[in-house]
Amino acid sequence: MKSEMVTDVNPRQIIVEVAYATPASQLIYTVEVDESATVEDAIVASGILKEFPEIDLKANKVGVFSKLTKLDKPLVHKDRIEIYRKLIADPKAVRKQRAAEGKKMKKGT
């Protein structure tokens, strides 16, 4: 009688980064996940959601290497996932305001 050897087959793992910036600092977590992992899988595996409960994956946008993407996007080795915060102020409005203030200062000089 022939016996079969059964071995545990571990799925291939990939390494990705999960990045999140607060006003005070930028954090990058390196995570090892299954090669079939999605953006959401890697974010959850990083533990970042526990450390920053203000992150809401239904509200915060995410990207891979600065390109917006969806949570179900499959990952490849060495991807960098970025979690974006909501903007406090509209950058265009702030630039217009600064330009207007600059013009006022030049006239008063």
Protein backbone atom coordinates (compact mmCIF):
# COMPACT_ATOMS: atom_id res chain seq x y z
CA MET A 1 0.00 0.00 0.00
CA LYS A 2 1.35 3.38 -1.02
CA SER A 3 1.12 6.26 1.45
CA GLU A 4 0.79 9.85 0.36
CA MET A 5 2.71 12.58 2.04
CA VAL A 6 0.53 15.57 2.86
CA THR A 7 2.25 18.86 3.36
CA ASP A 8 0.83 22.19 4.30
CA VAL A 9 0.94 24.39 1.26
CA ASN A 10 1.32 28.02 2.25
CA PRO A 11 0.02 30.44 -0.31
CA ARG A 12 2.62 32.76 -1.71
CA GLN A 13 3.08 35.90 0.28
CA ILE A 14 3.80 39.41 -0.94
CA ILE A 15 5.04 42.44 0.94
CA VAL A 16 3.18 45.74 0.65
CA GLU A 17 3.18 49.05 2.49
CA VAL A 18 0.22 50.86 4.01
CA ALA A 19 0.74 54.62 4.40
CA TYR A 20 -1.28 57.16 6.36
CA ALA A 21 -0.42 60.75 7.21
CA THR A 22 -1.68 62.75 10.15
CA PRO A 23 -1.01 66.47 10.56
CA ALA A 24 1.85 65.51 12.90
CA SER A 25 3.51 62.62 11.06
CA GLN A 26 3.55 60.16 8.19
CA LEU A 27 3.28 56.47 9.05
CA ILE A 28 4.21 53.55 6.82
CA TYR A 29 3.43 49.97 7.83
CA THR A 30 5.06 47.05 6.04
CA VAL A 31 2.73 44.06 5.80
CA GLU A 32 3.08 40.52 4.48
CA VAL A 33 -0.15 39.29 2.90
CA ASP A 34 -1.35 36.48 0.65
CA GLU A 35 -0.68 37.12 -3.03
CA SER A 36 -4.46 37.20 -3.63
CA ALA A 37 -4.94 40.01 -1.06
CA THR A 38 -6.83 43.17 -1.88
CA VAL A 39 -6.21 46.75 -0.79
CA GLU A 40 -8.74 46.31 2.02
CA ASP A 41 -7.14 43.04 3.17
CA ALA A 42 -3.75 44.72 3.53
CA ILE A 43 -5.18 47.73 5.38
CA VAL A 44 -6.91 45.44 7.87
CA ALA A 45 -3.80 43.25 8.25
CA SER A 46 -1.65 46.31 9.00
CA GLY A 47 -3.58 47.07 12.20
CA ILE A 48 -3.83 50.72 11.25
CA LEU A 49 -7.61 50.77 11.72
CA LYS A 50 -7.18 49.92 15.40
CA GLU A 51 -4.52 52.58 15.88
CA PHE A 52 -6.48 55.28 14.03
CA PRO A 53 -10.21 54.72 14.63
CA GLU A 54 -10.97 57.91 12.69
CA ILE A 55 -10.17 56.04 9.46
CA ASP A 56 -13.43 55.00 7.83
CA LEU A 57 -12.85 52.93 4.71
CA LYS A 58 -16.36 53.82 3.51
CA ALA A 59 -15.51 57.53 3.65
CA ASN A 60 -11.72 57.81 3.22
CA LYS A 61 -10.36 57.44 -0.29
CA VAL A 62 -7.47 55.07 -0.93
CA GLY A 63 -4.84 54.81 -3.61
CA VAL A 64 -1.89 52.75 -4.77
CA PHE A 65 1.16 54.84 -5.58
CA SER A 66 -0.91 58.07 -5.64
CA LYS A 67 -3.57 56.71 -8.01
CA LEU A 68 -7.08 56.42 -6.59
CA THR A 69 -8.30 52.85 -6.45
CA LYS A 70 -11.01 50.68 -4.95
CA LEU A 71 -10.76 48.53 -1.85
CA ASP A 72 -11.21 45.32 -3.86
CA LYS A 73 -8.20 45.95 -6.11
CA PRO A 74 -5.74 43.02 -6.07
CA LEU A 75 -2.22 43.88 -4.97
CA VAL A 76 1.21 43.06 -6.33
CA HIS A 77 4.49 42.71 -4.48
CA LYS A 78 5.86 46.05 -3.18
CA ASP A 79 2.66 48.08 -3.76
CA ARG A 80 2.23 51.10 -1.50
CA ILE A 81 -1.34 51.67 -0.35
CA GLU A 82 -2.19 55.20 0.73
CA ILE A 83 -5.15 56.15 2.90
CA TYR A 84 -6.20 59.74 2.27
CA ARG A 85 -7.75 62.07 4.85
CA LYS A 86 -10.45 64.56 4.01
CA LEU A 87 -9.11 68.03 3.25
CA ILE A 88 -9.70 70.68 5.88
CA ALA A 89 -9.79 73.49 3.31
CA ASP A 90 -10.16 73.66 -0.46
CA PRO A 91 -6.63 74.18 -1.86
CA LYS A 92 -7.90 76.40 -4.69
CA ALA A 93 -9.75 78.67 -2.29
CA VAL A 94 -6.68 78.93 -0.05
CA ARG A 95 -4.45 79.87 -3.01
CA LYS A 96 -6.94 82.54 -4.12
CA GLN A 97 -7.06 83.94 -0.61
CA ARG A 98 -3.26 84.07 -0.36
CA ALA A 99 -2.99 85.72 -3.77
CA ALA A 100 -5.56 88.35 -2.76
CA GLU A 101 -3.70 89.03 0.49
CA GLY A 102 -0.45 89.35 -1.44
CA LYS A 103 -1.96 91.96 -3.75
CA LYS A 104 -3.20 93.97 -0.76
CA MET A 105 0.25 93.92 0.80
CA LYS A 106 1.92 95.13 -2.43
CA LYS A 107 -0.50 98.07 -2.74
CA GLY A 108 0.14 99.15 0.85
CA THR A 109 3.94 99.08 0.50
